[in-house]
């Protein structure tokens, strides 16, 4: 009989197991893959942006209305406590840009190795290649966990099995199935933090450059308040980059209603039409012999300028004064408010996180404990909380795992 069985060895599950064991409980950590933390290893391209330096209030604001649920978890285990813990297990961290916090090694494997060694040292029992197939409760009290190999009697269970994204790294969505069977509501699930496909083919020649500080919004009257700002990268089939990864969580649910999602983008650092007209006039006075392309190359990549010029049938390799009035207005309009149509995505196959999850109404925020089943806890991505790039989701995973692991 274990005091606790933890299902899933991501950041949340590992932190829950460590906390419970540190408090004197017997702990079994189950992972269906052959190694622990497969998704943690891939985080941030392997560099592992652990957390960030925002205050708890600012941090929560980036999660929308569900962010308030996180307060107890962050109060108990904020970024300072997370980095302090990492230091105690031999993983020094730093914030090279003053915001995002990384291990100084810039390697997620460093963190995984340290966590594994620490769990072994304190006596967390770990079983890999052990897939959970059911959770059994009797009279609304946790009884045991059934796997493909064994049954494990236990007093408490923490489901930390993550979302549905990245099936190649072991994501299966089984945790949602277990939660539903035990009576919990699971909100609609959508892939998030992922590249997007575009209907527009002009993006393909623009793959060489990262476009900084792009502002984009949904060009549907009902959803125009949905917007994001950040660095953009074009691909042969669409768009990616931090702004896309963050905005994808707003886009993917819209495909329930629409076949295509029209966007508008400003790629010239927030300049409006008047700003751009002023810029081009001043540039043409300073360098009257330069072409429109040469002027615009100072604020936007040449490949993008050429493609947008083609869309409105304009020769941008002439001087500004040689552009006709209607040509100027058409070109300036498309530069300041560039249309783009999102036609699809790769589903959960390349989704780094899942939007949606176990309803917050059925979880006690001060403990992460189920309000339905005694001895059942949740933490990490499986809960209906997801945030943007920048260490938000990992901090939530560690903080919620710490809180759940206290078994209160």
Protein backbone atom coordinates (compact mmCIF):
# COMPACT_ATOMS: atom_id res chain seq x y z
CA UNK A 1 0.00 0.00 0.00
CA UNK A 2 1.51 3.29 -1.12
CA UNK A 3 0.64 6.61 0.44
CA UNK A 4 0.72 8.09 -3.06
CA UNK A 5 0.86 6.99 -6.68
CA UNK A 6 1.74 9.71 -9.19
CA UNK A 7 0.71 9.15 -12.79
CA UNK A 8 3.03 10.95 -15.20
CA UNK A 9 6.66 11.99 -14.83
CA UNK A 10 6.61 15.47 -16.32
CA UNK A 11 7.56 18.54 -14.31
CA UNK A 12 4.30 18.47 -12.34
CA UNK A 13 4.41 14.77 -11.54
CA UNK A 14 8.06 14.80 -10.52
CA UNK A 15 7.59 17.82 -8.26
CA UNK A 16 4.54 16.21 -6.67
CA UNK A 17 6.46 12.98 -6.03
CA UNK A 18 9.42 14.83 -4.52
CA UNK A 19 7.22 16.94 -2.24
CA UNK A 20 5.19 13.99 -1.00
CA UNK A 21 8.29 11.90 -0.34
CA UNK A 22 10.02 14.78 1.43
CA UNK A 23 6.99 14.92 3.72
CA UNK A 24 7.53 11.27 4.67
CA UNK A 25 5.06 9.52 2.36
CA UNK A 26 5.75 6.35 0.41
CA UNK A 27 5.58 7.34 -3.27
CA UNK A 28 5.37 5.45 -6.55
CA UNK A 29 5.90 7.42 -9.77
CA UNK A 30 4.55 5.77 -12.93
CA UNK A 31 5.65 6.66 -16.49
CA UNK A 32 4.43 4.87 -19.60
CA UNK A 33 7.52 5.82 -21.63
CA UNK A 34 10.88 4.07 -21.09
CA UNK A 35 12.42 7.20 -19.52
CA UNK A 36 11.10 9.91 -17.25
CA UNK A 37 10.20 13.42 -18.41
CA UNK A 38 10.11 12.90 -22.20
CA UNK A 39 8.23 16.15 -22.81
CA UNK A 40 10.36 18.14 -20.37
CA UNK A 41 13.40 17.09 -22.37
CA UNK A 42 11.96 18.71 -25.50
CA UNK A 43 10.88 21.93 -23.77
CA UNK A 44 12.20 25.10 -25.36
CA UNK A 45 14.00 23.18 -28.06
CA UNK A 46 15.93 21.39 -25.31
CA UNK A 47 17.05 24.63 -23.63
CA UNK A 48 14.27 24.54 -21.02
CA UNK A 49 12.90 27.97 -20.16
CA UNK A 50 11.98 27.02 -16.58
CA UNK A 51 10.12 30.11 -15.44
CA UNK A 52 10.29 33.90 -15.52
CA UNK A 53 10.79 36.82 -13.16
CA UNK A 54 7.27 38.26 -13.11
CA UNK A 55 5.48 38.88 -9.85
CA UNK A 56 2.74 36.38 -9.09
CA UNK A 57 0.01 38.88 -9.94
CA UNK A 58 1.57 39.74 -13.31
CA UNK A 59 2.23 36.08 -13.97
CA UNK A 60 -1.40 35.09 -13.39
CA UNK A 61 -2.67 37.87 -15.66
CA UNK A 62 -1.13 36.07 -18.66
CA UNK A 63 -3.47 33.11 -18.14
CA UNK A 64 -6.72 35.02 -18.59
CA UNK A 65 -9.69 34.50 -16.30
CA UNK A 66 -8.43 31.10 -15.11
CA UNK A 67 -5.20 32.63 -13.84
CA UNK A 68 -6.69 33.48 -10.45
CA UNK A 69 -6.94 29.77 -9.71
CA UNK A 70 -3.13 29.66 -9.54
CA UNK A 71 -2.68 32.02 -6.61
CA UNK A 72 -2.24 29.40 -3.87
CA UNK A 73 0.15 27.35 -5.95
CA UNK A 74 2.31 30.38 -6.78
CA UNK A 75 2.21 31.69 -3.21
CA UNK A 76 3.62 28.35 -2.08
CA UNK A 77 6.11 27.83 -4.90
CA UNK A 78 6.93 30.89 -7.00
CA UNK A 79 9.87 31.36 -9.35
CA UNK A 80 12.21 32.26 -6.47
CA UNK A 81 11.43 29.00 -4.67
CA UNK A 82 11.70 27.04 -7.92
CA UNK A 83 15.14 28.42 -8.76
CA UNK A 84 16.23 27.93 -5.14
CA UNK A 85 15.13 24.30 -5.31
CA UNK A 86 16.99 23.83 -8.59
CA UNK A 87 20.11 25.25 -6.97
CA UNK A 88 19.87 22.77 -4.06
CA UNK A 89 19.82 19.82 -6.48
CA UNK A 90 22.80 21.16 -8.44
CA UNK A 91 21.12 23.08 -11.27
CA UNK A 92 22.17 26.75 -11.26
CA UNK A 93 19.90 29.07 -13.21
CA UNK A 94 20.04 32.59 -14.63
CA UNK A 95 17.95 35.09 -16.58
CA UNK A 96 20.08 36.30 -19.52
CA UNK A 97 17.43 38.80 -20.63
CA UNK A 98 16.25 39.66 -17.12
CA UNK A 99 12.95 37.86 -17.74
CA UNK A 100 13.20 34.25 -18.90
CA UNK A 101 15.01 31.90 -16.53
CA UNK A 102 17.10 29.00 -17.88
CA UNK A 103 19.51 26.48 -16.41
CA UNK A 104 23.00 27.87 -17.00
CA UNK A 105 23.70 24.75 -19.04
CA UNK A 106 20.80 25.64 -21.39
CA UNK A 107 20.05 21.93 -21.39
CA UNK A 108 16.83 20.30 -20.19
CA UNK A 109 18.78 17.06 -19.73
CA UNK A 110 20.72 18.73 -16.91
CA UNK A 111 17.44 19.27 -15.05
CA UNK A 112 16.13 15.77 -15.76
CA UNK A 113 19.37 14.14 -14.56
CA UNK A 114 19.36 16.19 -11.36
CA UNK A 115 15.69 15.46 -10.64
CA UNK A 116 16.17 11.74 -11.24
CA UNK A 117 19.21 11.60 -8.96
CA UNK A 118 17.37 13.51 -6.26
CA UNK A 119 14.31 11.25 -6.44
CA UNK A 120 16.54 8.19 -6.15
CA UNK A 121 18.35 9.72 -3.19
CA UNK A 122 15.18 10.45 -1.21
CA UNK A 123 13.49 7.15 -2.05
CA UNK A 124 10.84 7.87 -4.67
CA UNK A 125 10.07 4.57 -6.37
CA UNK A 126 10.02 5.01 -10.15
CA UNK A 127 8.57 2.59 -12.67
CA UNK A 128 8.92 3.36 -16.38
CA UNK A 129 7.28 1.50 -19.27
CA UNK A 130 4.25 1.09 -17.02
CA UNK A 131 1.04 2.28 -18.63
CA UNK A 132 -1.93 3.04 -16.40
CA UNK A 133 -5.16 1.60 -17.76
CA UNK A 134 -7.58 2.42 -14.94
CA UNK A 135 -8.05 4.11 -11.57
CA UNK A 136 -10.33 2.33 -9.15
CA UNK A 137 -12.32 4.07 -6.42
CA UNK A 138 -14.77 2.61 -3.94
CA UNK A 139 -17.46 4.73 -2.30
CA UNK A 140 -15.81 7.87 -3.76
CA UNK A 141 -12.48 6.98 -2.13
CA UNK A 142 -9.32 6.11 -4.06
CA UNK A 143 -8.54 2.38 -3.90
CA UNK A 144 -5.87 1.36 -6.43
CA UNK A 145 -4.21 1.98 -9.80
CA UNK A 146 -4.36 -0.68 -12.48
CA UNK A 147 -1.53 -0.82 -15.03
CA UNK A 148 -0.71 -3.18 -17.87
CA UNK A 149 1.57 -5.05 -15.44
CA UNK A 150 0.20 -4.68 -11.91
CA UNK A 151 -2.34 -3.30 -9.49
CA UNK A 152 -1.01 -0.79 -6.95
CA UNK A 153 -3.00 -0.20 -3.77
CA UNK A 154 -2.75 3.39 -2.58
CA UNK A 155 -4.32 6.02 -0.35
CA UNK A 156 -3.87 8.90 -2.80
CA UNK A 157 -3.41 9.39 -6.53
CA UNK A 158 -2.10 12.44 -8.36
CA UNK A 159 -2.94 12.59 -12.06
CA UNK A 160 -0.15 14.53 -13.74
CA UNK A 161 -0.28 12.89 -17.13
CA UNK A 162 -0.32 16.12 -19.14
CA UNK A 163 -2.33 16.98 -22.23
CA UNK A 164 -2.75 15.50 -25.68
CA UNK A 165 0.08 17.30 -27.48
CA UNK A 166 3.14 15.55 -28.92
CA UNK A 167 1.94 11.95 -29.09
CA UNK A 168 5.47 10.93 -30.10
CA UNK A 169 6.59 11.90 -26.59
CA UNK A 170 3.95 9.76 -24.92
CA UNK A 171 0.98 12.11 -24.71
CA UNK A 172 -2.22 10.10 -24.91
CA UNK A 173 -4.88 12.10 -23.10
CA UNK A 174 -5.56 9.11 -20.85
CA UNK A 175 -5.72 11.35 -17.80
CA UNK A 176 -8.83 13.01 -19.15
CA UNK A 177 -10.41 9.60 -19.63
CA UNK A 178 -9.65 8.60 -16.04
CA UNK A 179 -10.98 11.91 -14.71
CA UNK A 180 -14.24 11.56 -16.65
CA UNK A 181 -14.71 8.00 -15.41
CA UNK A 182 -14.33 9.27 -11.85
CA UNK A 183 -17.01 11.88 -12.42
CA UNK A 184 -15.00 14.96 -13.39
CA UNK A 185 -15.93 17.31 -16.19
CA UNK A 186 -13.35 17.92 -18.91
CA UNK A 187 -13.75 21.10 -20.95
CA UNK A 188 -13.30 21.10 -24.72
CA UNK A 189 -9.71 20.30 -25.68
CA UNK A 190 -7.78 22.14 -28.40
CA UNK A 191 -4.17 22.01 -29.59
CA UNK A 192 -2.17 25.11 -28.64
CA UNK A 193 1.33 26.55 -28.90
CA UNK A 194 1.95 25.31 -32.44
CA UNK A 195 2.61 26.52 -36.03
CA UNK A 196 -0.32 27.40 -38.27
CA UNK A 197 -0.99 26.84 -41.98
CA UNK A 198 -2.03 29.68 -44.27
CA UNK A 199 -4.12 29.76 -47.40
CA UNK A 200 -1.77 32.46 -48.73
CA UNK A 201 1.14 31.18 -50.79
CA UNK A 202 3.09 34.45 -50.79
CA UNK A 203 4.55 33.52 -47.40
CA UNK A 204 6.77 30.75 -48.84
CA UNK A 205 9.52 33.05 -50.27
CA UNK A 206 9.72 34.95 -46.96
CA UNK A 207 11.16 32.18 -44.79
CA UNK A 208 14.64 33.63 -44.32
CA UNK A 209 13.81 36.41 -41.90
CA UNK A 210 12.30 36.75 -38.42
CA UNK A 211 9.92 39.72 -38.26
CA UNK A 212 10.09 41.36 -34.81
CA UNK A 213 7.18 42.82 -32.82
CA UNK A 214 4.39 41.82 -35.19
CA UNK A 215 0.89 42.73 -34.03
CA UNK A 216 -1.88 40.45 -35.28
CA UNK A 217 -5.60 40.17 -34.65
CA UNK A 218 -8.55 38.07 -35.82
CA UNK A 219 -10.36 39.87 -38.62
CA UNK A 220 -13.83 38.67 -37.66
CA UNK A 221 -16.10 41.31 -36.13
CA UNK A 222 -17.09 39.15 -33.17
CA UNK A 223 -13.47 38.21 -32.33
CA UNK A 224 -11.43 41.34 -33.13
CA UNK A 225 -10.41 41.62 -29.50
CA UNK A 226 -8.33 38.47 -29.95
CA UNK A 227 -4.80 39.69 -30.64
CA UNK A 228 -1.14 39.01 -29.96
CA UNK A 229 2.23 40.66 -30.43
CA UNK A 230 5.67 39.11 -30.86
CA UNK A 231 8.24 37.76 -33.29
CA UNK A 232 6.94 36.09 -36.45
CA UNK A 233 8.57 33.55 -38.77
CA UNK A 234 7.15 32.55 -42.15
CA UNK A 235 7.31 28.94 -43.30
CA UNK A 236 6.70 27.32 -46.66
CA UNK A 237 3.17 26.47 -45.56
CA UNK A 238 2.34 29.16 -43.05
CA UNK A 239 3.58 30.93 -39.93
CA UNK A 240 5.37 30.14 -36.70
CA UNK A 241 7.46 31.96 -34.10
CA UNK A 242 6.61 33.15 -30.55
CA UNK A 243 3.63 35.30 -31.59
CA UNK A 244 2.08 32.36 -33.44
CA UNK A 245 2.73 29.88 -30.65
CA UNK A 246 0.97 32.22 -28.23
CA UNK A 247 -1.90 33.10 -30.58
CA UNK A 248 -2.62 29.53 -31.71
CA UNK A 249 -4.58 28.86 -28.49
CA UNK A 250 -7.09 31.52 -29.62
CA UNK A 251 -7.18 30.38 -33.24
CA UNK A 252 -7.69 26.61 -33.01
CA UNK A 253 -11.09 26.75 -31.25
CA UNK A 254 -12.43 29.03 -34.02
CA UNK A 255 -12.22 26.16 -36.50
CA UNK A 256 -15.28 24.74 -34.75
CA UNK A 257 -17.21 27.60 -36.38
CA UNK A 258 -15.20 28.63 -39.43
CA UNK A 259 -13.38 26.81 -42.24
CA UNK A 260 -10.79 29.59 -42.44
CA UNK A 261 -9.69 32.28 -39.98
CA UNK A 262 -8.83 35.70 -41.46
CA UNK A 263 -6.14 37.69 -39.68
CA UNK A 264 -4.69 41.17 -40.09
CA UNK A 265 -1.06 41.91 -39.21
CA UNK A 266 1.13 44.94 -38.73
CA UNK A 267 4.73 43.97 -39.45
CA UNK A 268 6.30 47.43 -39.43
CA UNK A 269 6.75 47.91 -35.71
CA UNK A 270 3.33 49.40 -35.06
CA UNK A 271 3.50 52.18 -37.63
CA UNK A 272 0.08 53.21 -38.88
CA UNK A 273 -0.66 54.54 -42.35
CA UNK A 274 0.09 58.14 -41.40
CA UNK A 275 3.37 57.09 -39.76
CA UNK A 276 4.41 55.18 -42.87
CA UNK A 277 3.52 58.01 -45.22
CA UNK A 278 5.59 60.37 -43.09
CA UNK A 279 8.49 57.89 -43.04
CA UNK A 280 8.49 57.45 -46.83
CA UNK A 281 8.25 61.20 -47.46
CA UNK A 282 11.17 61.91 -45.13
CA UNK A 283 13.24 59.11 -46.63
CA UNK A 284 12.55 60.28 -50.18
CA UNK A 285 13.64 63.82 -49.27
CA UNK A 286 16.87 62.55 -47.71
CA UNK A 287 17.58 60.05 -50.50
CA UNK A 288 15.46 61.02 -53.54
CA UNK A 289 17.29 58.61 -55.82
CA UNK A 290 16.45 55.57 -53.67
CA UNK A 291 13.60 53.26 -54.62
CA UNK A 292 10.59 52.56 -52.43
CA UNK A 293 12.07 49.12 -51.81
CA UNK A 294 15.32 50.63 -50.56
CA UNK A 295 13.41 52.87 -48.17
CA UNK A 296 11.22 50.07 -46.85
CA UNK A 297 14.13 47.65 -46.39
CA UNK A 298 15.09 49.75 -43.38
CA UNK A 299 11.95 48.62 -41.54
CA UNK A 300 10.89 45.36 -43.23
CA UNK A 301 12.63 42.42 -44.90
CA UNK A 302 13.09 42.78 -48.67
CA UNK A 303 11.40 39.44 -49.41
CA UNK A 304 8.23 40.55 -47.62
CA UNK A 305 8.16 43.98 -49.27
CA UNK A 306 8.45 42.36 -52.71
CA UNK A 307 5.66 39.86 -52.01
CA UNK A 308 3.27 42.49 -50.68
CA UNK A 309 4.02 44.73 -53.66
CA UNK A 310 3.04 41.87 -55.95
CA UNK A 311 -0.25 41.40 -54.11
CA UNK A 312 -1.32 44.94 -55.02
CA UNK A 313 0.41 44.92 -58.42
CA UNK A 314 2.96 47.61 -57.64
CA UNK A 315 6.54 48.07 -58.80
CA UNK A 316 8.37 48.98 -55.61
CA UNK A 317 11.68 49.42 -57.40
CA UNK A 318 10.77 52.94 -58.44
CA UNK A 319 11.18 56.13 -56.45
CA UNK A 320 8.43 57.17 -54.07
CA UNK A 321 7.43 60.21 -56.15
CA UNK A 322 6.91 57.97 -59.19
CA UNK A 323 4.22 55.95 -57.44
CA UNK A 324 0.73 57.08 -58.38
CA UNK A 325 -1.64 58.21 -55.63
CA UNK A 326 -3.81 55.11 -55.65
CA UNK A 327 -0.71 52.90 -55.80
CA UNK A 328 0.71 54.60 -52.73
CA UNK A 329 -2.49 54.21 -50.76
CA UNK A 330 -2.95 50.54 -51.74
CA UNK A 331 0.65 49.69 -50.91
CA UNK A 332 0.68 51.56 -47.61
CA UNK A 333 -2.59 49.93 -46.59
CA UNK A 334 -1.34 46.38 -47.19
CA UNK A 335 1.97 47.15 -45.45
CA UNK A 336 0.22 48.45 -42.32
CA UNK A 337 -2.67 45.99 -42.25
CA UNK A 338 -1.49 42.84 -44.01
CA UNK A 339 -4.22 40.22 -44.53
CA UNK A 340 -3.48 36.58 -43.90
CA UNK A 341 -5.84 33.60 -43.86
CA UNK A 342 -5.26 30.69 -41.50
CA UNK A 343 -6.39 27.50 -43.21
CA UNK A 344 -5.48 24.84 -40.65
CA UNK A 345 -2.93 23.24 -38.35
CA UNK A 346 -1.32 19.93 -37.48
CA UNK A 347 -3.69 19.10 -34.64
CA UNK A 348 -2.21 17.68 -31.47
CA UNK A 349 0.71 16.13 -33.35
CA UNK A 350 2.88 19.23 -32.92
CA UNK A 351 0.97 21.01 -30.17
CA UNK A 352 3.27 21.85 -27.26
CA UNK A 353 0.36 22.32 -24.88
CA UNK A 354 -3.38 21.64 -24.66
CA UNK A 355 -6.02 24.30 -24.20
CA UNK A 356 -8.78 23.08 -21.91
CA UNK A 357 -8.77 20.30 -19.33
CA UNK A 358 -10.31 19.23 -16.05
CA UNK A 359 -12.78 21.82 -14.84
CA UNK A 360 -11.39 24.16 -12.21
CA UNK A 361 -14.77 24.19 -10.46
CA UNK A 362 -14.16 20.60 -9.34
CA UNK A 363 -10.65 21.15 -7.91
CA UNK A 364 -9.78 22.88 -4.63
CA UNK A 365 -7.19 25.54 -5.55
CA UNK A 366 -5.47 25.51 -2.14
CA UNK A 367 -4.65 21.78 -2.40
CA UNK A 368 -5.25 20.64 -6.03
CA UNK A 369 -7.57 18.04 -4.52
CA UNK A 370 -10.65 16.68 -6.26
CA UNK A 371 -13.96 17.85 -4.84
CA UNK A 372 -15.54 14.59 -6.00
CA UNK A 373 -13.17 11.74 -5.08
CA UNK A 374 -11.34 11.59 -1.76
CA UNK A 375 -7.60 11.04 -2.24
CA UNK A 376 -7.53 12.24 -5.86
CA UNK A 377 -5.41 15.21 -6.94
CA UNK A 378 -4.53 16.89 -10.23
CA UNK A 379 -1.64 19.09 -11.31
CA UNK A 380 0.01 20.54 -14.40
CA UNK A 381 -1.30 20.67 -17.93
CA UNK A 382 -4.20 18.29 -17.39
CA UNK A 383 -6.06 21.07 -15.56
CA UNK A 384 -7.93 23.72 -17.57
CA UNK A 385 -5.05 26.20 -17.40
CA UNK A 386 -2.57 27.09 -20.14
CA UNK A 387 -0.33 30.07 -20.74
CA UNK A 388 1.95 31.64 -23.35
CA UNK A 389 5.61 31.02 -24.18
CA UNK A 390 8.15 32.26 -21.69
CA UNK A 391 8.34 29.78 -18.82
CA UNK A 392 4.69 30.19 -17.81
CA UNK A 393 3.54 26.61 -18.29
CA UNK A 394 6.56 25.00 -16.64
CA UNK A 395 6.30 27.28 -13.62
CA UNK A 396 2.64 26.30 -13.31
CA UNK A 397 3.57 22.63 -13.60
CA UNK A 398 6.18 22.79 -10.83
CA UNK A 399 4.02 25.00 -8.57
CA UNK A 400 0.86 22.92 -8.92
CA UNK A 401 2.87 19.73 -8.48
CA UNK A 402 4.39 21.07 -5.28
CA UNK A 403 0.96 22.01 -3.93
CA UNK A 404 -0.63 18.67 -4.86
CA UNK A 405 2.28 16.75 -3.37
CA UNK A 406 1.57 18.15 0.07
CA UNK A 407 -1.50 15.85 0.21
CA UNK A 408 -3.62 18.09 2.39
